[in-house]
Amino acid sequence: MSASKRKSSENRVVYSEFGNHESPATERATPNLPPEKQDLRVQATRAGRKGKTVTIITGFQSTPEILQGLLKQLKSQCGTGGTLKDNTIEIQGEHKQKILELLKQKGYKAKISGG
């Protein structure tokens, strides 16, 4: 068997009970709802962060590209750092009221959650 034939036969699946796992049909679609249809929760927490306060925004149903843009705007408005983890935005420090106002200006339905 030549080298080119061997390579193509190595990638071939003989049997798969649940189909091809690399197909686009198995990827979970991310709904891209408009801001007024998203119900967001804003809360400040210190859990698991060595005593540092972080403001967390959950409930997004948008693509990561849109969330990256929103994250950049929130970080610049709050004057601090932040990150995007699993459709959740984390902003360093306690900025619940400021973030709530900014999200409402952008048309999101947001509420403060927790104490």
N, C-alpha and C. Protein backbone atom coordinates (compact mmCIF):
# COMPACT_ATOMS: atom_id res chain seq x y z
N MET A 1 0.85 -1.18 0.00
CA MET A 1 0.00 0.00 0.00
C MET A 1 0.89 1.24 0.00
N SER A 2 0.60 2.19 -0.87
CA SER A 2 1.41 3.40 -0.95
C SER A 2 1.11 4.32 0.22
N ALA A 3 1.99 5.30 0.45
CA ALA A 3 1.85 6.22 1.58
C ALA A 3 0.60 7.06 1.47
N SER A 4 0.24 7.50 0.24
CA SER A 4 -0.95 8.34 0.09
C SER A 4 -2.23 7.55 0.37
N LYS A 5 -2.28 6.29 -0.01
CA LYS A 5 -3.46 5.47 0.27
C LYS A 5 -3.57 5.17 1.76
N ARG A 6 -2.45 4.97 2.41
CA ARG A 6 -2.46 4.66 3.83
C ARG A 6 -2.98 5.85 4.63
N LYS A 7 -2.59 7.06 4.26
CA LYS A 7 -3.07 8.25 4.97
C LYS A 7 -4.58 8.41 4.85
N SER A 8 -5.12 8.20 3.66
CA SER A 8 -6.55 8.38 3.49
C SER A 8 -7.33 7.29 4.21
N SER A 9 -6.80 6.10 4.32
CA SER A 9 -7.52 5.04 5.01
C SER A 9 -7.44 5.20 6.53
N GLU A 10 -6.43 5.90 7.06
CA GLU A 10 -6.32 6.12 8.50
C GLU A 10 -7.41 7.07 8.99
N ASN A 11 -7.86 7.98 8.18
CA ASN A 11 -8.88 8.96 8.58
C ASN A 11 -10.30 8.42 8.40
N ARG A 12 -10.43 7.28 7.80
CA ARG A 12 -11.74 6.73 7.49
C ARG A 12 -12.35 6.07 8.72
N VAL A 13 -13.61 6.36 9.01
CA VAL A 13 -14.33 5.76 10.12
C VAL A 13 -15.04 4.53 9.60
N VAL A 14 -14.81 3.40 10.25
CA VAL A 14 -15.44 2.16 9.82
C VAL A 14 -16.85 2.09 10.37
N TYR A 15 -17.01 2.44 11.66
CA TYR A 15 -18.33 2.38 12.28
C TYR A 15 -18.41 3.44 13.37
N SER A 16 -19.49 4.15 13.40
CA SER A 16 -19.73 5.12 14.45
C SER A 16 -21.20 5.09 14.79
N GLU A 17 -21.51 4.76 16.03
CA GLU A 17 -22.89 4.60 16.44
C GLU A 17 -23.67 5.91 16.41
N PHE A 18 -23.02 7.01 16.74
CA PHE A 18 -23.72 8.28 16.83
C PHE A 18 -23.34 9.25 15.73
N GLY A 19 -22.80 8.80 14.66
CA GLY A 19 -22.51 9.67 13.53
C GLY A 19 -21.18 10.37 13.65
N ASN A 20 -20.95 11.28 12.73
CA ASN A 20 -19.70 12.03 12.67
C ASN A 20 -19.73 13.16 13.70
N HIS A 21 -18.80 13.15 14.63
CA HIS A 21 -18.79 14.17 15.69
C HIS A 21 -18.24 15.50 15.21
N GLU A 22 -17.66 15.55 14.03
CA GLU A 22 -17.10 16.78 13.51
C GLU A 22 -18.05 17.51 12.57
N SER A 23 -19.25 16.98 12.40
CA SER A 23 -20.17 17.62 11.46
C SER A 23 -20.77 18.88 12.07
N PRO A 24 -21.09 19.87 11.24
CA PRO A 24 -21.67 21.11 11.75
C PRO A 24 -23.06 20.90 12.35
N ALA A 25 -23.71 19.80 12.02
CA ALA A 25 -25.06 19.55 12.55
C ALA A 25 -25.02 19.25 14.04
N THR A 26 -23.91 18.72 14.54
CA THR A 26 -23.83 18.38 15.96
C THR A 26 -23.41 19.56 16.83
N GLU A 27 -22.95 20.64 16.24
CA GLU A 27 -22.57 21.81 17.02
C GLU A 27 -23.81 22.52 17.54
N ARG A 28 -23.76 22.95 18.77
CA ARG A 28 -24.89 23.63 19.37
C ARG A 28 -24.96 25.07 18.86
N ALA A 29 -26.11 25.44 18.36
CA ALA A 29 -26.29 26.79 17.82
C ALA A 29 -26.40 27.79 18.97
N THR A 30 -25.79 28.94 18.78
CA THR A 30 -25.90 30.01 19.76
C THR A 30 -26.97 30.98 19.28
N PRO A 31 -28.07 31.08 20.03
CA PRO A 31 -29.09 32.02 19.60
C PRO A 31 -28.57 33.45 19.73
N ASN A 32 -28.89 34.26 18.77
CA ASN A 32 -28.42 35.64 18.78
C ASN A 32 -29.65 36.54 18.93
N LEU A 33 -30.14 36.63 20.15
CA LEU A 33 -31.34 37.42 20.41
C LEU A 33 -31.00 38.90 20.50
N PRO A 34 -31.95 39.76 20.12
CA PRO A 34 -31.74 41.20 20.29
C PRO A 34 -31.68 41.55 21.79
N PRO A 35 -31.04 42.66 22.14
CA PRO A 35 -30.86 43.01 23.56
C PRO A 35 -32.16 43.05 24.36
N GLU A 36 -33.24 43.56 23.78
CA GLU A 36 -34.48 43.70 24.56
C GLU A 36 -35.12 42.35 24.89
N LYS A 37 -34.70 41.26 24.27
CA LYS A 37 -35.27 39.94 24.55
C LYS A 37 -34.37 39.11 25.47
N GLN A 38 -33.25 39.67 25.89
CA GLN A 38 -32.34 38.95 26.77
C GLN A 38 -32.58 39.40 28.21
N ASP A 39 -32.62 38.45 29.11
CA ASP A 39 -32.86 38.71 30.53
C ASP A 39 -31.55 38.47 31.28
N LEU A 40 -30.87 39.54 31.66
CA LEU A 40 -29.55 39.44 32.27
C LEU A 40 -29.61 39.63 33.78
N ARG A 41 -28.66 39.02 34.46
CA ARG A 41 -28.50 39.15 35.91
C ARG A 41 -27.11 39.71 36.19
N VAL A 42 -27.05 40.72 37.06
CA VAL A 42 -25.79 41.35 37.44
C VAL A 42 -25.61 41.11 38.93
N GLN A 43 -24.45 40.54 39.30
CA GLN A 43 -24.20 40.31 40.72
C GLN A 43 -22.72 40.45 41.01
N ALA A 44 -22.41 40.84 42.25
CA ALA A 44 -21.03 40.95 42.70
C ALA A 44 -20.75 39.76 43.60
N THR A 45 -19.59 39.15 43.43
CA THR A 45 -19.23 37.98 44.22
C THR A 45 -17.75 37.96 44.51
N ARG A 46 -17.39 37.23 45.56
CA ARG A 46 -15.99 37.03 45.90
C ARG A 46 -15.65 35.54 45.92
N ALA A 47 -16.61 34.71 45.68
CA ALA A 47 -16.43 33.26 45.80
C ALA A 47 -15.37 32.74 44.84
N GLY A 48 -14.39 32.05 45.37
CA GLY A 48 -13.36 31.43 44.57
C GLY A 48 -12.37 32.38 43.94
N ARG A 49 -12.27 33.60 44.46
CA ARG A 49 -11.38 34.59 43.85
C ARG A 49 -10.42 35.20 44.86
N LYS A 50 -10.12 34.47 45.93
CA LYS A 50 -9.17 34.89 46.96
C LYS A 50 -9.52 36.26 47.55
N GLY A 51 -10.81 36.50 47.79
CA GLY A 51 -11.25 37.73 48.43
C GLY A 51 -11.44 38.92 47.51
N LYS A 52 -11.12 38.77 46.23
CA LYS A 52 -11.30 39.88 45.28
C LYS A 52 -12.74 39.91 44.80
N THR A 53 -13.32 41.09 44.74
CA THR A 53 -14.70 41.24 44.27
C THR A 53 -14.74 41.32 42.75
N VAL A 54 -15.67 40.60 42.18
CA VAL A 54 -15.86 40.57 40.73
C VAL A 54 -17.34 40.74 40.45
N THR A 55 -17.69 41.57 39.48
CA THR A 55 -19.07 41.74 39.05
C THR A 55 -19.32 40.81 37.87
N ILE A 56 -20.33 39.94 38.01
CA ILE A 56 -20.62 38.93 36.99
C ILE A 56 -21.94 39.26 36.32
N ILE A 57 -21.96 39.16 34.99
CA ILE A 57 -23.19 39.37 34.21
C ILE A 57 -23.50 38.07 33.49
N THR A 58 -24.65 37.47 33.79
CA THR A 58 -25.04 36.19 33.20
C THR A 58 -26.35 36.33 32.43
N GLY A 59 -26.65 35.33 31.62
CA GLY A 59 -27.92 35.28 30.90
C GLY A 59 -27.82 35.70 29.45
N PHE A 60 -26.61 35.87 28.93
CA PHE A 60 -26.45 36.30 27.54
C PHE A 60 -26.84 35.19 26.57
N GLN A 61 -27.47 35.57 25.49
CA GLN A 61 -27.78 34.67 24.39
C GLN A 61 -27.33 35.35 23.10
N SER A 62 -26.01 35.50 22.99
CA SER A 62 -25.40 36.19 21.85
C SER A 62 -24.14 35.45 21.44
N THR A 63 -23.64 35.80 20.28
CA THR A 63 -22.41 35.20 19.80
C THR A 63 -21.22 35.77 20.58
N PRO A 64 -20.12 35.03 20.64
CA PRO A 64 -18.94 35.53 21.36
C PRO A 64 -18.40 36.84 20.79
N GLU A 65 -18.58 37.08 19.49
CA GLU A 65 -18.09 38.33 18.90
C GLU A 65 -18.84 39.53 19.47
N ILE A 66 -20.14 39.42 19.62
CA ILE A 66 -20.94 40.51 20.18
C ILE A 66 -20.57 40.73 21.64
N LEU A 67 -20.37 39.63 22.38
CA LEU A 67 -20.03 39.74 23.79
C LEU A 67 -18.64 40.35 23.98
N GLN A 68 -17.71 40.07 23.08
CA GLN A 68 -16.38 40.68 23.17
C GLN A 68 -16.47 42.19 23.01
N GLY A 69 -17.31 42.65 22.09
CA GLY A 69 -17.49 44.08 21.91
C GLY A 69 -18.11 44.73 23.12
N LEU A 70 -19.13 44.08 23.70
CA LEU A 70 -19.77 44.59 24.91
C LEU A 70 -18.79 44.60 26.08
N LEU A 71 -17.99 43.56 26.20
CA LEU A 71 -16.98 43.48 27.26
C LEU A 71 -16.00 44.64 27.16
N LYS A 72 -15.57 44.94 25.98
CA LYS A 72 -14.61 46.03 25.78
C LYS A 72 -15.22 47.36 26.22
N GLN A 73 -16.49 47.58 25.86
CA GLN A 73 -17.16 48.83 26.26
C GLN A 73 -17.33 48.92 27.77
N LEU A 74 -17.72 47.80 28.40
CA LEU A 74 -17.92 47.81 29.86
C LEU A 74 -16.59 48.03 30.59
N LYS A 75 -15.54 47.41 30.12
CA LYS A 75 -14.23 47.59 30.76
C LYS A 75 -13.78 49.04 30.67
N SER A 76 -13.99 49.67 29.52
CA SER A 76 -13.55 51.06 29.37
C SER A 76 -14.41 52.00 30.22
N GLN A 77 -15.71 51.74 30.32
CA GLN A 77 -16.59 52.59 31.12
C GLN A 77 -16.31 52.45 32.61
N CYS A 78 -15.94 51.24 33.05
CA CYS A 78 -15.66 51.02 34.47
C CYS A 78 -14.20 51.30 34.81
N GLY A 79 -13.35 51.41 33.81
CA GLY A 79 -11.94 51.69 34.05
C GLY A 79 -11.23 50.54 34.72
N THR A 80 -11.57 49.31 34.35
CA THR A 80 -10.98 48.15 34.99
C THR A 80 -10.88 47.00 34.01
N GLY A 81 -10.35 45.88 34.45
CA GLY A 81 -10.21 44.71 33.60
C GLY A 81 -11.42 43.82 33.66
N GLY A 82 -11.42 42.82 32.80
CA GLY A 82 -12.52 41.88 32.78
C GLY A 82 -12.25 40.77 31.78
N THR A 83 -13.14 39.78 31.77
CA THR A 83 -12.98 38.65 30.86
C THR A 83 -14.33 38.09 30.47
N LEU A 84 -14.30 37.23 29.46
CA LEU A 84 -15.49 36.54 28.97
C LEU A 84 -15.28 35.06 29.16
N LYS A 85 -16.15 34.40 29.94
CA LYS A 85 -16.05 32.97 30.20
C LYS A 85 -17.42 32.33 30.01
N ASP A 86 -17.56 31.46 29.03
CA ASP A 86 -18.78 30.69 28.82
C ASP A 86 -20.04 31.56 28.78
N ASN A 87 -20.07 32.57 27.93
CA ASN A 87 -21.20 33.50 27.79
C ASN A 87 -21.50 34.25 29.09
N THR A 88 -20.49 34.43 29.92
CA THR A 88 -20.61 35.20 31.15
C THR A 88 -19.51 36.25 31.14
N ILE A 89 -19.88 37.49 31.41
CA ILE A 89 -18.89 38.56 31.47
C ILE A 89 -18.52 38.80 32.94
N GLU A 90 -17.21 38.86 33.20
CA GLU A 90 -16.72 39.16 34.55
C GLU A 90 -15.93 40.45 34.49
N ILE A 91 -16.31 41.41 35.34
CA ILE A 91 -15.63 42.70 35.43
C ILE A 91 -15.01 42.80 36.83
N GLN A 92 -13.75 43.18 36.90
CA GLN A 92 -13.07 43.27 38.19
C GLN A 92 -13.63 44.43 39.00
N GLY A 93 -13.88 44.18 40.28
CA GLY A 93 -14.40 45.20 41.18
C GLY A 93 -15.91 45.14 41.29
N GLU A 94 -16.45 45.95 42.18
CA GLU A 94 -17.90 45.99 42.38
C GLU A 94 -18.47 47.18 41.62
N HIS A 95 -19.13 46.89 40.49
CA HIS A 95 -19.67 47.92 39.61
C HIS A 95 -21.12 47.59 39.23
N LYS A 96 -21.89 47.05 40.18
CA LYS A 96 -23.25 46.60 39.85
C LYS A 96 -24.11 47.72 39.28
N GLN A 97 -24.18 48.84 39.98
CA GLN A 97 -25.07 49.92 39.55
C GLN A 97 -24.64 50.52 38.21
N LYS A 98 -23.33 50.75 38.06
CA LYS A 98 -22.83 51.34 36.82
C LYS A 98 -23.10 50.42 35.63
N ILE A 99 -22.84 49.13 35.80
CA ILE A 99 -23.06 48.16 34.72
C ILE A 99 -24.54 48.03 34.42
N LEU A 100 -25.37 48.03 35.45
CA LEU A 100 -26.82 47.94 35.24
C LEU A 100 -27.31 49.12 34.40
N GLU A 101 -26.85 50.32 34.70
CA GLU A 101 -27.25 51.50 33.92
C GLU A 101 -26.76 51.42 32.48
N LEU A 102 -25.51 50.98 32.30
CA LEU A 102 -24.96 50.87 30.95
C LEU A 102 -25.71 49.84 30.12
N LEU A 103 -26.06 48.70 30.72
CA LEU A 103 -26.80 47.67 30.00
C LEU A 103 -28.20 48.15 29.62
N LYS A 104 -28.84 48.88 30.53
CA LYS A 104 -30.18 49.39 30.23
C LYS A 104 -30.13 50.44 29.13
N GLN A 105 -29.07 51.25 29.07
CA GLN A 105 -28.91 52.22 28.00
C GLN A 105 -28.77 51.52 26.65
N LYS A 106 -28.17 50.34 26.65
CA LYS A 106 -27.99 49.58 25.41
C LYS A 106 -29.22 48.77 25.04
N GLY A 107 -30.26 48.79 25.89
CA GLY A 107 -31.51 48.13 25.57
C GLY A 107 -31.69 46.75 26.20
N TYR A 108 -30.75 46.30 27.03
CA TYR A 108 -30.87 44.99 27.67
C TYR A 108 -31.82 45.07 28.85
N LYS A 109 -32.53 43.97 29.12
CA LYS A 109 -33.32 43.85 30.34
C LYS A 109 -32.40 43.25 31.38
N ALA A 110 -32.02 44.03 32.39
CA ALA A 110 -31.06 43.55 33.38
C ALA A 110 -31.58 43.84 34.78
N LYS A 111 -31.24 42.95 35.71
CA LYS A 111 -31.61 43.11 37.11
C LYS A 111 -30.40 42.78 37.97
N ILE A 112 -30.38 43.37 39.17
CA ILE A 112 -29.34 43.02 40.13
C ILE A 112 -29.79 41.76 40.85
N SER A 113 -28.87 40.81 40.92
CA SER A 113 -29.17 39.53 41.55
C SER A 113 -28.28 39.36 42.77
N GLY A 114 -28.77 38.71 43.79
CA GLY A 114 -27.97 38.47 44.99
C GLY A 114 -27.94 39.67 45.91
N GLY A 115 -27.17 39.56 46.98
CA GLY A 115 -27.13 40.59 48.01
C GLY A 115 -26.24 41.67 47.66
